[in-house]
Structures are given as structure tokens and as C-alpha cells.
N, C-alpha and C. Protein backbone atom coordinates (compact mmCIF):
# COMPACT_ATOMS: atom_id res chain seq x y z
N ALA A 1 -110.78 -47.23 13.30
CA ALA A 1 -110.64 -48.20 12.20
C ALA A 1 -109.40 -48.02 10.83
N THR A 2 -109.69 -48.90 10.31
CA THR A 2 -108.00 -48.89 9.63
C THR A 2 -109.22 -48.98 7.91
N VAL A 3 -109.53 -48.66 7.25
CA VAL A 3 -110.15 -48.99 5.49
C VAL A 3 -109.11 -48.74 4.56
N THR A 4 -108.57 -48.93 3.79
CA THR A 4 -107.25 -48.93 2.22
C THR A 4 -108.41 -48.72 1.19
N ILE A 5 -107.91 -47.65 1.16
CA ILE A 5 -108.89 -47.22 -0.72
C ILE A 5 -107.58 -47.02 -1.96
N ARG A 6 -108.50 -47.81 -3.27
CA ARG A 6 -107.36 -46.90 -4.00
C ARG A 6 -107.03 -46.04 -3.87
N THR A 7 -105.99 -44.87 -4.08
CA THR A 7 -105.81 -43.88 -4.83
C THR A 7 -105.35 -44.24 -5.74
N ALA A 8 -105.08 -43.20 -7.74
CA ALA A 8 -104.35 -43.08 -8.82
C ALA A 8 -103.72 -44.42 -8.55
N ASP A 9 -104.54 -46.30 -8.69
CA ASP A 9 -103.90 -46.99 -7.85
C ASP A 9 -103.20 -47.67 -6.59
N THR A 10 -103.14 -46.42 -6.00
CA THR A 10 -101.87 -46.54 -4.73
C THR A 10 -103.10 -46.75 -3.81
N PRO A 11 -102.66 -48.71 -3.16
CA PRO A 11 -103.43 -48.66 -1.72
C PRO A 11 -102.68 -47.54 -0.46
N VAL A 12 -103.88 -47.04 0.22
CA VAL A 12 -104.25 -46.26 1.04
C VAL A 12 -104.57 -46.43 2.08
N ARG A 13 -103.88 -46.56 3.74
CA ARG A 13 -104.92 -46.72 4.59
C ARG A 13 -105.34 -45.41 4.99
N ILE A 14 -106.05 -45.76 5.57
CA ILE A 14 -106.78 -44.03 6.50
C ILE A 14 -107.49 -44.58 7.92
N ALA A 15 -106.84 -43.82 9.04
CA ALA A 15 -107.41 -44.26 10.11
C ALA A 15 -107.80 -42.95 10.93
N GLY A 16 -108.51 -43.41 11.35
CA GLY A 16 -109.16 -42.05 12.33
C GLY A 16 -110.75 -41.47 12.07
N PRO A 17 -111.52 -40.53 12.64
CA PRO A 17 -112.96 -40.16 12.17
C PRO A 17 -113.89 -39.94 10.77
N ASP A 18 -112.39 -40.10 10.10
CA ASP A 18 -112.50 -40.21 8.41
C ASP A 18 -113.16 -41.66 7.49
N ALA A 19 -112.87 -42.75 8.47
CA ALA A 19 -112.64 -43.50 8.15
C ALA A 19 -114.04 -44.22 7.56
N GLU A 20 -115.00 -44.00 8.55
CA GLU A 20 -116.47 -44.73 8.57
C GLU A 20 -116.59 -43.51 6.65
N PHE A 21 -116.49 -42.58 5.96
CA PHE A 21 -116.21 -41.94 4.92
C PHE A 21 -116.19 -43.15 3.87
N PHE A 22 -114.73 -42.80 3.84
CA PHE A 22 -113.60 -43.84 3.11
C PHE A 22 -114.28 -45.45 3.07
N GLU A 23 -114.97 -46.00 3.34
CA GLU A 23 -115.75 -47.02 3.98
C GLU A 23 -116.90 -47.25 2.86
N ALA A 24 -117.75 -45.36 3.02
CA ALA A 24 -118.43 -46.14 2.29
C ALA A 24 -118.15 -45.13 0.88
N LEU A 25 -117.14 -45.31 0.24
CA LEU A 25 -116.65 -44.97 -0.53
C LEU A 25 -116.41 -45.99 -1.52
N ASN A 26 -115.48 -46.80 -0.73
CA ASN A 26 -115.33 -47.92 -0.66
C ASN A 26 -116.61 -49.02 -1.51
N LYS A 27 -117.24 -48.81 -1.16
CA LYS A 27 -118.76 -49.93 -1.17
C LYS A 27 -119.74 -49.06 -2.52
N LEU A 28 -118.98 -47.45 -2.53
CA LEU A 28 -119.53 -47.41 -3.84
C LEU A 28 -118.72 -47.74 -5.17
N GLU A 29 -117.90 -48.46 -4.72
CA GLU A 29 -117.04 -48.27 -6.00
C GLU A 29 -117.31 -50.36 -6.35
């Protein structure tokens, strides 16, 4: 799974087992 998160106004793509974690962070925003 690939998730795009914003870090310091910079789009970052995270792929791997941590994708679910970052996806949860996106939902918190």
C-alpha cells in the first residue's frame, strides 16, 4: 500500500508495513 502524507508541506510517499500507521495519521488530520 502506498500512502501520501504531508511533512513540512512536503508530500511523502510511504510504502511498506508502516503504511497503515501513516494512513491512520492522515485520518487524524
